[in-house]
């Protein structure tokens, strides 16, 4: 149980770290001519939809933007996670 919890937390931390560092690297690389491809990004998602129920108004939407540096670091994080062995 404890080992599973530690491995799950490790995966979450690695993925969050990959997303944040990838965003920073992608933004920093945009100013450099030969590294500008790391900052190329694409976005996808759902447009916001509003559900009005007279006394309650709900808005649902989702938007995700991923750049090349984030994708590379996410793959590296997943590969690194598979190679890490947690001792109990």
PDB file of N, CA and C in Angstrom:
ATOM      1  N   UNK A   1       0.828  -1.200   0.000  1.00  0.00           N
ATOM      2  CA  UNK A   1       0.000   0.000   0.000  1.00  0.00           C
ATOM      3  C   UNK A   1       0.863   1.251   0.000  1.00  0.00           C
ATOM      4  N   UNK A   2       1.847   1.291   0.901  1.00  0.00           N
ATOM      5  CA  UNK A   2       2.716   2.454   1.011  1.00  0.00           C
ATOM      6  C   UNK A   2       3.553   2.629  -0.251  1.00  0.00           C
ATOM      7  N   UNK A   3       4.021   1.520  -0.804  1.00  0.00           N
ATOM      8  CA  UNK A   3       4.836   1.568  -2.016  1.00  0.00           C
ATOM      9  C   UNK A   3       4.014   2.089  -3.202  1.00  0.00           C
ATOM     10  N   UNK A   4       2.766   1.683  -3.295  1.00  0.00           N
ATOM     11  CA  UNK A   4       1.888   2.142  -4.372  1.00  0.00           C
ATOM     12  C   UNK A   4       1.615   3.635  -4.253  1.00  0.00           C
ATOM     13  N   UNK A   5       1.402   4.111  -3.040  1.00  0.00           N
ATOM     14  CA  UNK A   5       1.162   5.537  -2.812  1.00  0.00           C
ATOM     15  C   UNK A   5       2.391   6.361  -3.188  1.00  0.00           C
ATOM     16  N   UNK A   6       3.558   5.897  -2.805  1.00  0.00           N
ATOM     17  CA  UNK A   6       4.802   6.609  -3.124  1.00  0.00           C
ATOM     18  C   UNK A   6       5.020   6.648  -4.630  1.00  0.00           C
ATOM     19  N   UNK A   7       4.781   5.531  -5.303  1.00  0.00           N
ATOM     20  CA  UNK A   7       4.957   5.506  -6.768  1.00  0.00           C
ATOM     21  C   UNK A   7       3.957   6.420  -7.467  1.00  0.00           C
ATOM     22  N   UNK A   8       2.727   6.475  -6.974  1.00  0.00           N
ATOM     23  CA  UNK A   8       1.720   7.355  -7.567  1.00  0.00           C
ATOM     24  C   UNK A   8       2.091   8.821  -7.384  1.00  0.00           C
ATOM     25  N   UNK A   9       2.519   9.172  -6.178  1.00  0.00           N
ATOM     26  CA  UNK A   9       2.956  10.551  -5.928  1.00  0.00           C
ATOM     27  C   UNK A   9       4.174  10.907  -6.760  1.00  0.00           C
ATOM     28  N   UNK A  10       5.087   9.968  -6.926  1.00  0.00           N
ATOM     29  CA  UNK A  10       6.272  10.197  -7.747  1.00  0.00           C
ATOM     30  C   UNK A  10       5.884  10.479  -9.191  1.00  0.00           C
ATOM     31  N   UNK A  11       4.944   9.721  -9.735  1.00  0.00           N
ATOM     32  CA  UNK A  11       4.491   9.949 -11.107  1.00  0.00           C
ATOM     33  C   UNK A  11       3.853  11.322 -11.252  1.00  0.00           C
ATOM     34  N   UNK A  12       3.017  11.706 -10.313  1.00  0.00           N
ATOM     35  CA  UNK A  12       2.359  13.012 -10.370  1.00  0.00           C
ATOM     36  C   UNK A  12       3.385  14.133 -10.313  1.00  0.00           C
ATOM     37  N   UNK A  13       4.364  14.022  -9.416  1.00  0.00           N
ATOM     38  CA  UNK A  13       5.401  15.048  -9.291  1.00  0.00           C
ATOM     39  C   UNK A  13       6.236  15.131 -10.564  1.00  0.00           C
ATOM     40  N   UNK A  14       6.615  13.992 -11.121  1.00  0.00           N
ATOM     41  CA  UNK A  14       7.405  13.999 -12.359  1.00  0.00           C
ATOM     42  C   UNK A  14       6.643  14.622 -13.519  1.00  0.00           C
ATOM     43  N   UNK A  15       5.362  14.322 -13.648  1.00  0.00           N
ATOM     44  CA  UNK A  15       4.565  14.882 -14.736  1.00  0.00           C
ATOM     45  C   UNK A  15       4.369  16.392 -14.570  1.00  0.00           C
ATOM     46  N   UNK A  16       4.089  16.833 -13.350  1.00  0.00           N
ATOM     47  CA  UNK A  16       3.936  18.271 -13.112  1.00  0.00           C
ATOM     48  C   UNK A  16       5.242  19.013 -13.359  1.00  0.00           C
ATOM     49  N   UNK A  17       6.351  18.434 -12.925  1.00  0.00           N
ATOM     50  CA  UNK A  17       7.655  19.036 -13.153  1.00  0.00           C
ATOM     51  C   UNK A  17       7.967  19.127 -14.642  1.00  0.00           C
ATOM     52  N   UNK A  18       7.622  18.098 -15.393  1.00  0.00           N
ATOM     53  CA  UNK A  18       7.851  18.100 -16.836  1.00  0.00           C
ATOM     54  C   UNK A  18       7.028  19.190 -17.525  1.00  0.00           C
ATOM     55  N   UNK A  19       5.789  19.369 -17.107  1.00  0.00           N
ATOM     56  CA  UNK A  19       4.935  20.387 -17.720  1.00  0.00           C
ATOM     57  C   UNK A  19       5.461  21.791 -17.423  1.00  0.00           C
ATOM     58  N   UNK A  20       5.831  22.044 -16.164  1.00  0.00           N
ATOM     59  CA  UNK A  20       6.306  23.375 -15.782  1.00  0.00           C
ATOM     60  C   UNK A  20       7.649  23.686 -16.443  1.00  0.00           C
ATOM     61  N   UNK A  21       8.598  22.748 -16.363  1.00  0.00           N
ATOM     62  CA  UNK A  21       9.911  22.986 -16.983  1.00  0.00           C
ATOM     63  C   UNK A  21       9.799  23.092 -18.509  1.00  0.00           C
ATOM     64  N   UNK A  22       8.927  22.300 -19.097  1.00  0.00           N
ATOM     65  CA  UNK A  22       8.724  22.376 -20.545  1.00  0.00           C
ATOM     66  C   UNK A  22       8.171  23.720 -20.969  1.00  0.00           C
ATOM     67  N   UNK A  23       7.282  24.275 -20.176  1.00  0.00           N
ATOM     68  CA  UNK A  23       6.727  25.592 -20.462  1.00  0.00           C
ATOM     69  C   UNK A  23       7.809  26.668 -20.368  1.00  0.00           C
ATOM     70  N   UNK A  24       8.639  26.579 -19.326  1.00  0.00           N
ATOM     71  CA  UNK A  24       9.722  27.556 -19.152  1.00  0.00           C
ATOM     72  C   UNK A  24      10.736  27.436 -20.284  1.00  0.00           C
ATOM     73  N   UNK A  25      11.133  26.226 -20.612  1.00  0.00           N
ATOM     74  CA  UNK A  25      12.110  26.018 -21.684  1.00  0.00           C
ATOM     75  C   UNK A  25      11.546  26.468 -23.025  1.00  0.00           C
ATOM     76  N   UNK A  26      10.284  26.149 -23.287  1.00  0.00           N
ATOM     77  CA  UNK A  26       9.656  26.562 -24.541  1.00  0.00           C
ATOM     78  C   UNK A  26       9.575  28.074 -24.676  1.00  0.00           C
ATOM     79  N   UNK A  27       9.245  28.759 -23.592  1.00  0.00           N
ATOM     80  CA  UNK A  27       9.175  30.225 -23.622  1.00  0.00           C
ATOM     81  C   UNK A  27      10.554  30.842 -23.795  1.00  0.00           C
ATOM     82  N   UNK A  28      11.552  30.280 -23.124  1.00  0.00           N
ATOM     83  CA  UNK A  28      12.911  30.817 -23.222  1.00  0.00           C
ATOM     84  C   UNK A  28      13.524  30.551 -24.594  1.00  0.00           C
ATOM     85  N   UNK A  29      13.156  29.446 -25.211  1.00  0.00           N
ATOM     86  CA  UNK A  29      13.739  29.081 -26.505  1.00  0.00           C
ATOM     87  C   UNK A  29      13.141  29.864 -27.665  1.00  0.00           C
ATOM     88  N   UNK A  30      12.035  30.529 -27.460  1.00  0.00           N
ATOM     89  CA  UNK A  30      11.392  31.265 -28.550  1.00  0.00           C
ATOM     90  C   UNK A  30      12.275  32.382 -29.074  1.00  0.00           C
ATOM     91  N   UNK A  31      13.107  32.951 -28.227  1.00  0.00           N
ATOM     92  CA  UNK A  31      13.971  34.048 -28.653  1.00  0.00           C
ATOM     93  C   UNK A  31      15.205  33.600 -29.395  1.00  0.00           C
ATOM     94  N   UNK A  32      15.537  32.323 -29.365  1.00  0.00           N
ATOM     95  CA  UNK A  32      16.723  31.784 -30.018  1.00  0.00           C
ATOM     96  C   UNK A  32      16.315  31.168 -31.348  1.00  0.00           C
ATOM     97  N   UNK A  33      17.028  31.538 -32.402  1.00  0.00           N
ATOM     98  CA  UNK A  33      16.614  31.111 -33.741  1.00  0.00           C
ATOM     99  C   UNK A  33      16.684  29.599 -33.940  1.00  0.00           C
ATOM    100  N   UNK A  34      17.745  28.946 -33.468  1.00  0.00           N
ATOM    101  CA  UNK A  34      17.879  27.519 -33.729  1.00  0.00           C
ATOM    102  C   UNK A  34      17.140  26.639 -32.712  1.00  0.00           C
ATOM    103  N   UNK A  35      16.585  27.239 -31.657  1.00  0.00           N
ATOM    104  CA  UNK A  35      15.798  26.486 -30.681  1.00  0.00           C
ATOM    105  C   UNK A  35      14.322  26.887 -30.674  1.00  0.00           C
ATOM    106  N   UNK A  36      13.926  27.711 -31.611  1.00  0.00           N
ATOM    107  CA  UNK A  36      12.552  28.212 -31.610  1.00  0.00           C
ATOM    108  C   UNK A  36      11.520  27.098 -31.810  1.00  0.00           C
ATOM    109  N   UNK A  37      11.919  25.977 -32.381  1.00  0.00           N
ATOM    110  CA  UNK A  37      10.993  24.868 -32.599  1.00  0.00           C
ATOM    111  C   UNK A  37      10.519  24.262 -31.279  1.00  0.00           C
ATOM    112  N   UNK A  38      11.292  24.439 -30.203  1.00  0.00           N
ATOM    113  CA  UNK A  38      10.861  23.928 -28.898  1.00  0.00           C
ATOM    114  C   UNK A  38       9.636  24.671 -28.367  1.00  0.00           C
ATOM    115  N   UNK A  39       9.452  25.899 -28.813  1.00  0.00           N
ATOM    116  CA  UNK A  39       8.329  26.698 -28.352  1.00  0.00           C
ATOM    117  C   UNK A  39       7.069  26.554 -29.181  1.00  0.00           C
ATOM    118  N   UNK A  40       7.152  25.825 -30.298  1.00  0.00           N
ATOM    119  CA  UNK A  40       5.959  25.637 -31.121  1.00  0.00           C
ATOM    120  C   UNK A  40       4.907  24.876 -30.314  1.00  0.00           C
ATOM    121  N   UNK A  41       3.687  25.355 -30.361  1.00  0.00           N
ATOM    122  CA  UNK A  41       2.650  24.718 -29.550  1.00  0.00           C
ATOM    123  C   UNK A  41       1.358  24.579 -30.332  1.00  0.00           C
ATOM    124  N   UNK A  42       0.532  23.717 -29.824  1.00  0.00           N
ATOM    125  CA  UNK A  42      -0.793  23.532 -30.381  1.00  0.00           C
ATOM    126  C   UNK A  42      -1.778  23.429 -29.224  1.00  0.00           C
ATOM    127  N   UNK A  43      -2.976  23.829 -29.481  1.00  0.00           N
ATOM    128  CA  UNK A  43      -3.995  23.791 -28.440  1.00  0.00           C
ATOM    129  C   UNK A  43      -5.235  23.075 -28.926  1.00  0.00           C
ATOM    130  N   UNK A  44      -5.939  22.490 -28.003  1.00  0.00           N
ATOM    131  CA  UNK A  44      -7.198  21.844 -28.327  1.00  0.00           C
ATOM    132  C   UNK A  44      -8.081  21.891 -27.088  1.00  0.00           C
ATOM    133  N   UNK A  45      -9.354  21.665 -27.299  1.00  0.00           N
ATOM    134  CA  UNK A  45     -10.261  21.686 -26.158  1.00  0.00           C
ATOM    135  C   UNK A  45     -11.697  21.889 -26.574  1.00  0.00           C
ATOM    136  N   UNK A  46     -12.511  22.160 -25.583  1.00  0.00           N
ATOM    137  CA  UNK A  46     -13.936  22.391 -25.782  1.00  0.00           C
ATOM    138  C   UNK A  46     -14.251  23.850 -25.472  1.00  0.00           C
ATOM    139  N   UNK A  47     -15.035  24.453 -26.312  1.00  0.00           N
ATOM    140  CA  UNK A  47     -15.468  25.831 -26.067  1.00  0.00           C
ATOM    141  C   UNK A  47     -16.382  25.852 -24.841  1.00  0.00           C
ATOM    142  N   UNK A  48     -16.361  26.934 -24.098  1.00  0.00           N
ATOM    143  CA  UNK A  48     -17.246  27.008 -22.922  1.00  0.00           C
ATOM    144  C   UNK A  48     -18.725  26.913 -23.305  1.00  0.00           C
ATOM    145  N   UNK A  49     -19.446  26.094 -22.562  1.00  0.00           N
ATOM    146  CA  UNK A  49     -20.881  25.901 -22.761  1.00  0.00           C
ATOM    147  C   UNK A  49     -21.562  26.252 -21.445  1.00  0.00           C
ATOM    148  N   UNK A  50     -22.603  27.073 -21.517  1.00  0.00           N
ATOM    149  CA  UNK A  50     -23.301  27.506 -20.311  1.00  0.00           C
ATOM    150  C   UNK A  50     -24.650  26.806 -20.208  1.00  0.00           C
ATOM    151  N   UNK A  51     -24.911  26.271 -19.019  1.00  0.00           N
ATOM    152  CA  UNK A  51     -26.181  25.634 -18.717  1.00  0.00           C
ATOM    153  C   UNK A  51     -26.901  26.517 -17.701  1.00  0.00           C
ATOM    154  N   UNK A  52     -28.020  27.120 -18.130  1.00  0.00           N
ATOM    155  CA  UNK A  52     -28.761  28.041 -17.272  1.00  0.00           C
ATOM    156  C   UNK A  52     -30.007  27.338 -16.732  1.00  0.00           C
ATOM    157  N   UNK A  53     -30.053  27.160 -15.400  1.00  0.00           N
ATOM    158  CA  UNK A  53     -31.165  26.467 -14.760  1.00  0.00           C
ATOM    159  C   UNK A  53     -31.999  27.411 -13.898  1.00  0.00           C
ATOM    160  N   UNK A  54     -32.105  28.651 -14.288  1.00  0.00           N
ATOM    161  CA  UNK A  54     -32.878  29.700 -13.614  1.00  0.00           C
ATOM    162  C   UNK A  54     -32.240  30.131 -12.294  1.00  0.00           C
ATOM    163  N   UNK A  55     -32.046  29.226 -11.355  1.00  0.00           N
ATOM    164  CA  UNK A  55     -31.426  29.626 -10.084  1.00  0.00           C
ATOM    165  C   UNK A  55     -29.930  29.312 -10.048  1.00  0.00           C
ATOM    166  N   UNK A  56     -29.455  28.558 -11.017  1.00  0.00           N
ATOM    167  CA  UNK A  56     -28.061  28.133 -11.060  1.00  0.00           C
ATOM    168  C   UNK A  56     -27.557  28.201 -12.493  1.00  0.00           C
ATOM    169  N   UNK A  57     -26.394  28.763 -12.660  1.00  0.00           N
ATOM    170  CA  UNK A  57     -25.809  28.854 -13.999  1.00  0.00           C
ATOM    171  C   UNK A  57     -24.442  28.175 -13.962  1.00  0.00           C
ATOM    172  N   UNK A  58     -24.275  27.133 -14.781  1.00  0.00           N
ATOM    173  CA  UNK A  58     -23.029  26.370 -14.832  1.00  0.00           C
ATOM    174  C   UNK A  58     -22.357  26.574 -16.179  1.00  0.00           C
ATOM    175  N   UNK A  59     -21.037  26.744 -16.151  1.00  0.00           N
ATOM    176  CA  UNK A  59     -20.267  26.876 -17.376  1.00  0.00           C
ATOM    177  C   UNK A  59     -19.200  25.792 -17.396  1.00  0.00           C
ATOM    178  N   UNK A  60     -19.162  25.022 -18.476  1.00  0.00           N
ATOM    179  CA  UNK A  60     -18.190  23.954 -18.645  1.00  0.00           C
ATOM    180  C   UNK A  60     -17.303  24.279 -19.837  1.00  0.00           C
ATOM    181  N   UNK A  61     -16.010  24.004 -19.704  1.00  0.00           N
ATOM    182  CA  UNK A  61     -15.083  24.198 -20.801  1.00  0.00           C
ATOM    183  C   UNK A  61     -13.734  23.602 -20.452  1.00  0.00           C
ATOM    184  N   UNK A  62     -12.926  23.328 -21.473  1.00  0.00           N
ATOM    185  CA  UNK A  62     -11.609  22.747 -21.273  1.00  0.00           C
ATOM    186  C   UNK A  62     -10.706  23.205 -22.407  1.00  0.00           C
ATOM    187  N   UNK A  63      -9.521  23.640 -22.051  1.00  0.00           N
ATOM    188  CA  UNK A  63      -8.559  24.070 -23.056  1.00  0.00           C
ATOM    189  C   UNK A  63      -7.164  23.624 -22.629  1.00  0.00           C
ATOM    190  N   UNK A  64      -6.458  22.951 -23.528  1.00  0.00           N
ATOM    191  CA  UNK A  64      -5.112  22.455 -23.242  1.00  0.00           C
ATOM    192  C   UNK A  64      -4.170  22.947 -24.331  1.00  0.00           C
ATOM    193  N   UNK A  65      -3.012  23.457 -23.914  1.00  0.00           N
ATOM    194  CA  UNK A  65      -2.006  23.944 -24.849  1.00  0.00           C
ATOM    195  C   UNK A  65      -0.690  23.245 -24.512  1.00  0.00           C
ATOM    196  N   UNK A  66      -0.087  22.562 -25.472  1.00  0.00           N
ATOM    197  CA  UNK A  66       1.136  21.794 -25.263  1.00  0.00           C
ATOM    198  C   UNK A  66       2.173  22.229 -26.288  1.00  0.00           C
ATOM    199  N   UNK A  67       3.412  22.498 -25.809  1.00  0.00           N
ATOM    200  CA  UNK A  67       4.479  22.813 -26.750  1.00  0.00           C
ATOM    201  C   UNK A  67       5.418  21.615 -26.889  1.00  0.00           C
ATOM    202  N   UNK A  68       6.359  21.717 -27.808  1.00  0.00           N
ATOM    203  CA  UNK A  68       7.253  20.603 -28.118  1.00  0.00           C
ATOM    204  C   UNK A  68       8.125  20.248 -26.916  1.00  0.00           C
ATOM    205  N   UNK A  69       8.636  21.247 -26.211  1.00  0.00           N
ATOM    206  CA  UNK A  69       9.484  20.989 -25.049  1.00  0.00           C
ATOM    207  C   UNK A  69       8.712  20.232 -23.971  1.00  0.00           C
ATOM    208  N   UNK A  70       7.454  20.579 -23.754  1.00  0.00           N
ATOM    209  CA  UNK A  70       6.641  19.870 -22.775  1.00  0.00           C
ATOM    210  C   UNK A  70       6.431  18.417 -23.194  1.00  0.00           C
ATOM    211  N   UNK A  71       6.166  18.185 -24.471  1.00  0.00           N
ATOM    212  CA  UNK A  71       5.947  16.825 -24.949  1.00  0.00           C
ATOM    213  C   UNK A  71       7.203  15.972 -24.761  1.00  0.00           C
ATOM    214  N   UNK A  72       8.363  16.533 -25.067  1.00  0.00           N
ATOM    215  CA  UNK A  72       9.615  15.796 -24.895  1.00  0.00           C
ATOM    216  C   UNK A  72       9.854  15.480 -23.424  1.00  0.00           C
ATOM    217  N   UNK A  73       9.658  16.468 -22.563  1.00  0.00           N
ATOM    218  CA  UNK A  73       9.886  16.241 -21.137  1.00  0.00           C
ATOM    219  C   UNK A  73       8.848  15.307 -20.524  1.00  0.00           C
ATOM    220  N   UNK A  74       7.620  15.325 -21.015  1.00  0.00           N
ATOM    221  CA  UNK A  74       6.620  14.369 -20.529  1.00  0.00           C
ATOM    222  C   UNK A  74       7.012  12.941 -20.894  1.00  0.00           C
ATOM    223  N   UNK A  75       7.492  12.729 -22.110  1.00  0.00           N
ATOM    224  CA  UNK A  75       7.959  11.393 -22.499  1.00  0.00           C
ATOM    225  C   UNK A  75       9.154  10.963 -21.658  1.00  0.00           C
ATOM    226  N   UNK A  76      10.086  11.895 -21.406  1.00  0.00           N
ATOM    227  CA  UNK A  76      11.249  11.580 -20.572  1.00  0.00           C
ATOM    228  C   UNK A  76      10.822  11.257 -19.140  1.00  0.00           C
ATOM    229  N   UNK A  77       9.833  11.964 -18.612  1.00  0.00           N
ATOM    230  CA  UNK A  77       9.351  11.699 -17.259  1.00  0.00           C
ATOM    231  C   UNK A  77       8.710  10.319 -17.164  1.00  0.00           C
ATOM    232  N   UNK A  78       7.937   9.950 -18.169  1.00  0.00           N
ATOM    233  CA  UNK A  78       7.297   8.633 -18.155  1.00  0.00           C
ATOM    234  C   UNK A  78       8.344   7.525 -18.279  1.00  0.00           C
ATOM    235  N   UNK A  79       9.322   7.710 -19.163  1.00  0.00           N
ATOM    236  CA  UNK A  79      10.394   6.715 -19.292  1.00  0.00           C
ATOM    237  C   UNK A  79      11.215   6.632 -18.012  1.00  0.00           C
ATOM    238  N   UNK A  80      11.509   7.759 -17.401  1.00  0.00           N
ATOM    239  CA  UNK A  80      12.249   7.758 -16.144  1.00  0.00           C
ATOM    240  C   UNK A  80      11.468   7.093 -15.032  1.00  0.00           C
ATOM    241  N   UNK A  81      10.173   7.304 -15.002  1.00  0.00           N
ATOM    242  CA  UNK A  81       9.316   6.695 -13.986  1.00  0.00           C
ATOM    243  C   UNK A  81       9.336   5.173 -14.088  1.00  0.00           C
ATOM    244  N   UNK A  82       9.337   4.658 -15.304  1.00  0.00           N
ATOM    245  CA  UNK A  82       9.325   3.204 -15.472  1.00  0.00           C
ATOM    246  C   UNK A  82      10.642   2.578 -15.017  1.00  0.00           C
ATOM    247  N   UNK A  83      11.717   3.349 -14.988  1.00  0.00           N
ATOM    248  CA  UNK A  83      13.027   2.815 -14.599  1.00  0.00           C
ATOM    249  C   UNK A  83      13.345   3.015 -13.120  1.00  0.00           C
ATOM    250  N   UNK A  84      12.531   3.764 -12.399  1.00  0.00           N
ATOM    251  CA  UNK A  84      12.779   4.026 -10.980  1.00  0.00           C
ATOM    252  C   UNK A  84      12.142   2.904 -10.153  1.00  0.00           C
ATOM    253  N   UNK A  85      12.922   2.347  -9.244  1.00  0.00           N
ATOM    254  CA  UNK A  85      12.426   1.296  -8.353  1.00  0.00           C
ATOM    255  C   UNK A  85      12.394   1.849  -6.936  1.00  0.00           C
ATOM    256  N   UNK A  86      11.222   1.805  -6.321  1.00  0.00           N
ATOM    257  CA  UNK A  86      11.047   2.312  -4.959  1.00  0.00           C
ATOM    258  C   UNK A  86      11.229   1.165  -3.984  1.00  0.00           C
ATOM    259  N   UNK A  87      12.141   1.344  -3.022  1.00  0.00           N
ATOM    260  CA  UNK A  87      12.345   0.333  -1.992  1.00  0.00           C
ATOM    261  C   UNK A  87      11.435   0.635  -0.809  1.00  0.00           C
ATOM    262  N   UNK A  88      10.940  -0.382  -0.178  1.00  0.00           N
ATOM    263  CA  UNK A  88      10.021  -0.192   0.939  1.00  0.00           C
ATOM    264  C   UNK A  88      10.725  -0.133   2.244  1.00  0.00           C
TER     265      UNK A  88
END
